[in-house]
Protein backbone atom coordinates (compact mmCIF):
# COMPACT_ATOMS: atom_id res chain seq x y z
CA MET A 1 91.76 135.99 96.71
CA VAL A 2 91.12 138.86 94.28
CA ASP A 3 90.75 137.99 90.60
CA THR A 4 92.93 140.06 88.26
CA ILE A 5 93.14 140.72 84.55
CA THR A 6 95.98 142.09 82.44
CA PRO A 7 95.39 145.31 80.46
CA ALA A 8 96.21 143.37 77.26
CA VAL A 9 93.36 140.92 77.84
CA LEU A 10 91.02 143.76 78.80
CA ALA A 11 91.96 145.62 75.61
CA GLU A 12 91.31 142.52 73.51
CA ARG A 13 87.86 142.08 75.05
CA ARG A 14 87.14 145.74 74.34
CA ARG A 15 88.23 145.37 70.70
CA ARG A 16 85.95 142.39 70.10
CA GLY A 17 82.97 144.36 71.40
CA ASP A 18 82.43 142.89 74.87
CA ALA A 19 80.43 145.07 77.25
CA ILE A 20 82.92 146.22 79.90
CA THR A 21 82.12 148.05 83.13
CA LEU A 22 85.34 149.72 84.31
CA ILE A 23 85.55 151.68 87.58
CA ASP A 24 88.47 154.00 88.35
CA VAL A 25 88.88 154.17 92.14
CA ARG A 26 91.43 157.00 92.27
CA THR A 27 90.57 160.49 93.49
CA PRO A 28 88.57 162.74 91.12
CA ALA A 29 91.68 164.92 90.64
CA GLU A 30 93.79 161.93 89.55
CA TYR A 31 90.95 160.71 87.34
CA GLY A 32 90.68 164.15 85.74
CA GLU A 33 94.37 164.13 84.82
CA VAL A 34 94.19 160.92 82.78
CA HIS A 35 91.81 157.98 82.67
CA VAL A 36 90.69 155.19 80.37
CA ASP A 37 88.00 156.91 78.34
CA PHE A 38 85.21 154.43 79.13
CA ALA A 39 86.02 154.25 82.87
CA ARG A 40 83.82 155.98 85.39
CA ASN A 41 85.10 157.42 88.66
CA LEU A 42 84.08 156.01 92.07
CA PRO A 43 86.80 156.91 94.61
CA LEU A 44 87.88 154.06 96.88
CA ASP A 45 87.17 155.96 100.10
CA ARG A 46 83.50 156.33 99.16
CA LEU A 47 82.91 153.13 97.25
CA THR A 48 80.05 150.98 98.56
CA ALA A 49 78.43 147.73 97.53
CA ASN A 50 75.27 149.67 96.61
CA ASP A 51 77.27 151.67 94.05
CA ILE A 52 78.10 148.44 92.22
CA THR A 53 74.81 146.59 92.57
CA SER A 54 72.96 149.65 91.25
CA LEU A 55 74.90 149.37 87.97
CA ARG A 56 72.96 146.19 87.10
CA CYS A 57 75.65 144.94 84.71
CA ASP A 58 75.62 141.33 83.52
CA GLY A 59 79.35 140.63 83.48
CA PRO A 60 82.14 141.31 85.97
CA VAL A 61 82.97 144.81 87.18
CA TYR A 62 86.59 145.76 86.55
CA PHE A 63 88.51 148.15 88.81
CA VAL A 64 91.57 150.23 87.93
CA CYS A 65 93.72 152.75 89.79
CA LYS A 66 97.28 154.03 89.34
CA SER A 67 99.26 150.87 90.01
CA GLY A 68 96.80 148.13 90.97
CA ASN A 69 96.96 148.52 94.76
CA ARG A 70 93.78 150.55 95.27
CA SER A 71 91.85 148.53 92.69
CA GLY A 72 92.76 145.38 94.63
CA LYS A 73 91.61 147.04 97.85
CA ALA A 74 88.32 147.97 96.16
CA CYS A 75 87.76 144.33 95.19
CA GLU A 76 88.55 143.12 98.72
CA LYS A 77 86.15 145.68 100.16
CA LEU A 78 83.32 144.60 97.87
CA ILE A 79 83.95 140.87 98.31
CA ALA A 80 83.70 141.37 102.07
CA ALA A 81 80.34 143.10 101.45
CA GLY A 82 79.08 140.19 99.37
CA VAL A 83 79.77 141.49 95.85
CA THR A 84 82.01 138.82 94.32
CA ASN A 85 81.96 139.38 90.55
CA VAL A 86 84.79 141.94 90.69
CA VAL A 87 88.19 142.00 88.98
CA SER A 88 91.28 144.17 89.52
CA VAL A 89 93.19 145.45 86.46
CA GLU A 90 96.91 144.82 86.86
CA GLY A 91 99.34 147.70 86.46
CA GLY A 92 96.82 150.53 86.60
CA THR A 93 95.94 153.24 84.11
CA ALA A 94 99.43 153.64 82.65
CA ALA A 95 99.54 149.92 81.83
CA CYS A 96 96.10 150.19 80.21
CA GLU A 97 97.34 153.00 77.98
CA ALA A 98 100.44 150.98 77.05
CA ALA A 99 98.16 148.07 76.11
CA GLY A 100 96.34 150.26 73.60
CA LEU A 101 93.24 151.25 75.55
CA PRO A 102 92.17 154.83 74.71
CA VAL A 103 92.61 157.43 77.45
CA THR A 104 91.30 160.93 78.10
CA ARG A 105 93.72 163.55 79.42
CA GLY A 106 93.03 166.68 81.43
CA ARG A 107 95.11 169.01 83.56
CA LYS A 108 98.10 167.73 85.50
CA ALA A 109 97.40 166.58 89.07
CA MET A 110 99.59 165.24 91.85
CA SER A 111 99.11 161.57 92.61
CA LEU A 112 97.83 160.49 96.01
CA GLU A 113 101.05 158.53 96.65
CA ARG A 114 103.17 161.67 96.17
CA GLN A 115 100.90 163.66 98.47
CA VAL A 116 101.29 161.03 101.20
CA ARG A 117 105.08 161.21 100.91
CA ILE A 118 105.01 165.02 101.12
CA VAL A 119 102.70 165.07 104.15
CA ALA A 120 104.72 162.43 105.98
CA GLY A 121 107.98 164.24 105.20
CA VAL A 122 106.67 167.61 106.36
CA MET A 123 105.32 166.12 109.60
CA VAL A 124 108.69 164.48 110.36
CA ALA A 125 110.48 167.77 109.55
CA ILE A 126 108.16 169.64 111.92
CA GLY A 127 108.82 167.03 114.60
CA ALA A 128 112.58 167.39 114.13
CA ALA A 129 112.32 171.20 114.30
CA LEU A 130 110.30 171.04 117.51
CA ALA A 131 112.76 168.57 118.99
CA ALA A 132 115.48 171.23 118.66
CA PHE A 133 113.90 173.10 121.58
CA GLY A 134 115.08 172.12 125.02
CA PRO A 135 112.92 170.96 127.94
CA GLU A 136 113.32 174.41 129.54
CA ALA A 137 110.93 175.92 126.95
CA PRO A 138 107.39 176.88 128.14
CA LEU A 139 106.23 173.59 126.64
CA ASN A 140 108.45 170.57 126.27
CA TRP A 141 108.76 170.99 122.49
CA LYS A 142 111.55 168.42 122.38
CA LEU A 143 109.23 165.72 123.69
CA ILE A 144 106.36 166.87 121.44
CA GLY A 145 108.58 166.90 118.36
CA ALA A 146 110.01 163.47 119.07
CA GLY A 147 106.50 162.16 119.65
CA LEU A 148 105.26 163.57 116.31
CA ALA A 149 108.17 162.06 114.38
CA GLY A 150 107.70 158.75 116.18
CA PHE A 151 103.97 158.77 115.46
CA VAL A 152 104.58 159.25 111.73
CA GLY A 153 107.22 156.53 111.72
CA CYS A 154 104.90 154.04 113.45
CA GLY A 155 102.12 155.00 111.05
CA LEU A 156 104.30 154.31 108.02
CA ALA A 157 105.46 151.00 109.47
CA PHE A 158 101.85 149.99 110.16
CA ALA A 159 100.88 150.99 106.60
CA GLY A 160 103.67 148.85 105.22
CA MET A 161 102.73 145.81 107.28
CA THR A 162 98.97 146.00 106.68
CA ASP A 163 98.99 147.61 103.21
CA THR A 164 96.46 150.11 104.58
CA CYS A 165 97.25 153.82 104.86
CA ALA A 166 94.98 155.98 107.02
CA MET A 167 96.88 159.10 105.92
CA ALA A 168 96.10 158.34 102.26
CA MET A 169 92.42 157.89 103.06
CA LEU A 170 92.37 161.25 104.87
CA ILE A 171 94.21 163.09 102.09
CA ALA A 172 91.90 161.58 99.47
CA LYS A 173 89.01 163.44 101.12
CA MET A 174 90.67 166.85 100.83
CA PRO A 175 88.94 169.39 98.52
CA TRP A 176 91.79 169.56 95.97
CA ASN A 177 91.41 165.82 95.43
CA GLN A 178 87.66 166.06 94.86
CA THR A 179 87.74 168.38 91.84
CA ARG A 180 88.52 166.87 88.47
CA GLY A 181 91.13 168.58 86.35
CA THR A 182 92.57 170.59 89.20
CA GLY A 183 96.35 170.41 89.40
CA THR A 184 98.20 170.60 92.71
CA SER A 185 101.63 172.19 92.66
CA CYS A 186 104.39 171.14 95.05
CA CYS A 187 104.09 174.42 96.94
CA ARG A 188 100.36 173.99 97.42
CA ALA A 189 100.86 170.39 98.50
CA ALA A 190 103.50 171.41 101.04
CA ALA A 191 101.17 174.07 102.43
CA ALA A 192 98.37 171.53 102.60
CA ALA A 193 100.70 169.11 104.38
CA ALA A 194 101.47 171.70 107.05
CA LEU A 195 97.75 172.29 107.48
CA LEU A 196 97.12 168.56 107.82
CA ALA A 197 99.85 168.25 110.41
CA ALA A 198 98.24 171.01 112.46
CA ALA A 199 94.66 169.84 112.03
CA ALA A 200 94.60 166.23 110.94
CA GLY A 201 91.22 165.71 112.52
CA VAL A 202 89.37 168.40 110.58
CA ALA A 203 86.84 166.74 108.27
CA GLU A 204 85.58 167.97 104.92
CA ALA A 205 82.70 170.37 105.56
CA GLN A 206 81.55 171.35 102.10
CA HIS A 207 78.47 169.17 101.79
CA THR A 208 75.13 170.47 103.02
CA GLN A 209 73.94 169.48 106.47
CA ASP A 210 70.32 169.34 105.25
CA SER A 211 68.84 165.89 105.83
CA LEU A 212 67.35 163.92 102.96
CA ALA A 213 63.95 164.40 104.60
CA VAL A 214 64.42 168.18 104.32
CA VAL A 215 65.58 167.80 100.73
CA LYS A 216 62.57 165.68 99.81
CA GLN A 217 60.19 168.11 101.47
CA GLY A 218 61.70 171.03 99.54
CA VAL A 219 61.46 169.14 96.25
CA ASP A 220 57.83 168.10 96.93
CA GLN A 221 56.91 171.68 97.81
CA LYS A 222 58.78 172.97 94.73
CA THR A 223 60.98 175.23 96.84
CA ALA A 224 64.03 173.13 95.89
CA VAL A 225 65.32 171.42 92.76
CA LEU A 226 67.58 168.37 92.42
CA VAL A 227 70.38 168.75 89.85
CA ASP A 228 72.18 165.63 88.64
CA VAL A 229 75.79 166.51 87.76
CA ARG A 230 76.79 163.07 86.45
CA GLU A 231 77.36 162.32 82.79
CA PRO A 232 74.52 161.65 80.28
CA ASP A 233 75.24 157.91 80.08
CA GLU A 234 74.95 157.63 83.87
CA TRP A 235 71.73 159.69 83.76
CA GLN A 236 70.18 157.40 81.16
CA ARG A 237 70.86 154.31 83.25
CA GLY A 238 69.00 155.83 86.17
CA HIS A 239 68.29 159.19 87.85
CA VAL A 240 65.95 160.77 90.36
CA ALA A 241 62.62 161.49 88.67
CA GLY A 242 62.12 165.23 88.22
CA ALA A 243 65.81 166.08 88.60
CA ARG A 244 67.57 168.34 86.07
CA LEU A 245 70.71 167.15 84.26
CA VAL A 246 73.70 169.52 84.26
CA PRO A 247 76.90 167.44 83.89
CA LEU A 248 79.98 168.64 85.73
CA SER A 249 81.95 168.28 82.49
CA THR A 250 79.61 170.83 80.86
CA LEU A 251 80.16 173.30 83.71
CA GLU A 252 83.92 172.80 83.45
CA ARG A 253 83.86 173.58 79.73
CA GLY A 254 81.98 176.80 80.41
CA VAL A 255 78.29 177.67 80.34
CA THR A 256 76.55 181.07 80.39
CA ALA A 257 73.93 182.21 82.90
CA ASP A 258 71.30 182.25 80.14
CA GLN A 259 72.11 178.67 79.19
CA LEU A 260 71.84 177.56 82.80
CA ALA A 261 68.57 179.42 83.28
CA GLN A 262 66.99 177.21 80.61
CA THR A 263 67.55 174.19 82.85
CA ILE A 264 67.83 175.45 86.42
CA PRO A 265 65.40 178.04 87.83
CA LYS A 266 66.66 180.78 90.10
CA GLY A 267 64.91 181.66 93.33
CA THR A 268 64.91 178.06 94.58
CA VAL A 269 67.36 175.97 96.56
CA ILE A 270 69.52 173.79 94.31
CA TYR A 271 70.64 170.41 95.61
CA THR A 272 73.39 168.86 93.46
CA TYR A 273 74.00 165.12 93.55
CA CYS A 274 76.22 162.61 91.76
CA MET A 275 77.23 159.02 92.57
CA VAL A 276 79.27 159.37 95.76
CA GLY A 277 79.36 163.10 96.57
CA GLY A 278 82.61 164.32 95.01
CA ARG A 279 81.26 165.84 91.81
CA SER A 280 78.33 167.47 93.63
CA VAL A 281 80.77 169.69 95.54
CA ALA A 282 82.77 170.56 92.42
CA ALA A 283 79.63 171.48 90.47
CA ALA A 284 78.33 173.63 93.34
CA LYS A 285 81.33 175.95 92.98
CA PHE A 286 80.44 176.68 89.37
CA LEU A 287 76.75 177.22 90.10
CA ARG A 288 77.40 179.50 93.07
CA ALA A 289 79.46 181.70 90.78
CA GLN A 290 76.30 182.13 88.69
CA GLY A 291 74.32 183.27 91.72
CA TYR A 292 72.52 180.04 92.66
CA ASP A 293 71.77 178.93 96.22
CA VAL A 294 73.50 175.56 95.93
CA ARG A 295 73.72 172.88 98.60
CA PRO A 296 75.75 169.86 97.43
CA LEU A 297 74.63 166.47 98.72
CA ARG A 298 77.03 163.88 100.07
CA PRO A 299 74.58 160.99 99.45
CA GLY A 300 74.69 159.85 95.84
CA TYR A 301 72.02 158.58 93.47
CA PRO A 302 71.78 155.07 95.03
CA ASP A 303 71.36 156.63 98.49
CA LEU A 304 68.60 158.95 97.25
CA VAL A 305 66.68 156.05 95.72
CA LYS A 306 67.13 154.05 98.91
CA ALA A 307 65.77 157.03 100.89
CA GLY A 308 62.54 157.00 98.86
CA PHE A 309 63.21 159.40 95.98
CA PRO A 310 61.50 158.06 92.83
CA SER A 311 63.81 156.91 90.05
CA ALA A 312 63.57 157.04 86.27
CA SER A 313 65.71 155.96 83.36
CA GLY A 314 66.36 157.07 79.78
CA ASN A 315 66.04 160.66 78.58
């Protein structure tokens, strides 16, 4: 059974000065649109027990999403992994705002739930269109179309019965959901849905394929540099020793080549890292535009420490 807390109680604890660790498990794009200002983003699809144990907080860890469903799933996932001091915030981010908790707003983004509805609708429409062809066509499009529509229907029924949606987990990994502050229009979402219907098995391929052993060798030989793109408060709690701090939020606000050159040397390979891999990809786009050879890492800070990279804390 997952423990829950109302936003009103959470707000009261915040007002009286309690130390609160709040994790937003939505996609980075949803988080960038609006989030409780002291929440940090760890998307549900990449959340691990190591992410939470590395926080070393004394009290419970609270989880929030849009409505409370994903935060509950996050708690169940962690409890199954042996992390029990976790609490789901009822009602999600909107309820937190209504309870008086301060929020930070960015650019408009489309929620994951809406994207799932669009993708499912487009796939059913494609199935219906294919079913209009007769069996005399070169391929039996009628059978294929009916099969596609039936597959989507069974998938939605399974999601409803188990409260687990594989389509949502796949869409959450798409690039437009990994970049904070990036809005997704209905037209772009419909185009993405068509792409997903045609190639649902294509995985995200934006992270580097370099192994951590290769990364460590490059750093030791000074032919590569690690760049931490998390926020300063995360950096102070713990970071890879020798890494350079360039927060994604700083890149998003705008930074000149001269300013970057003071922190990141050119002529070396740049490996960006964050907590779970989403921000490292987003930051790489900005740095590539400045002429850097950037290779974003999927493993986050806890994974790097586990792999033998030395850690440090503070400034």
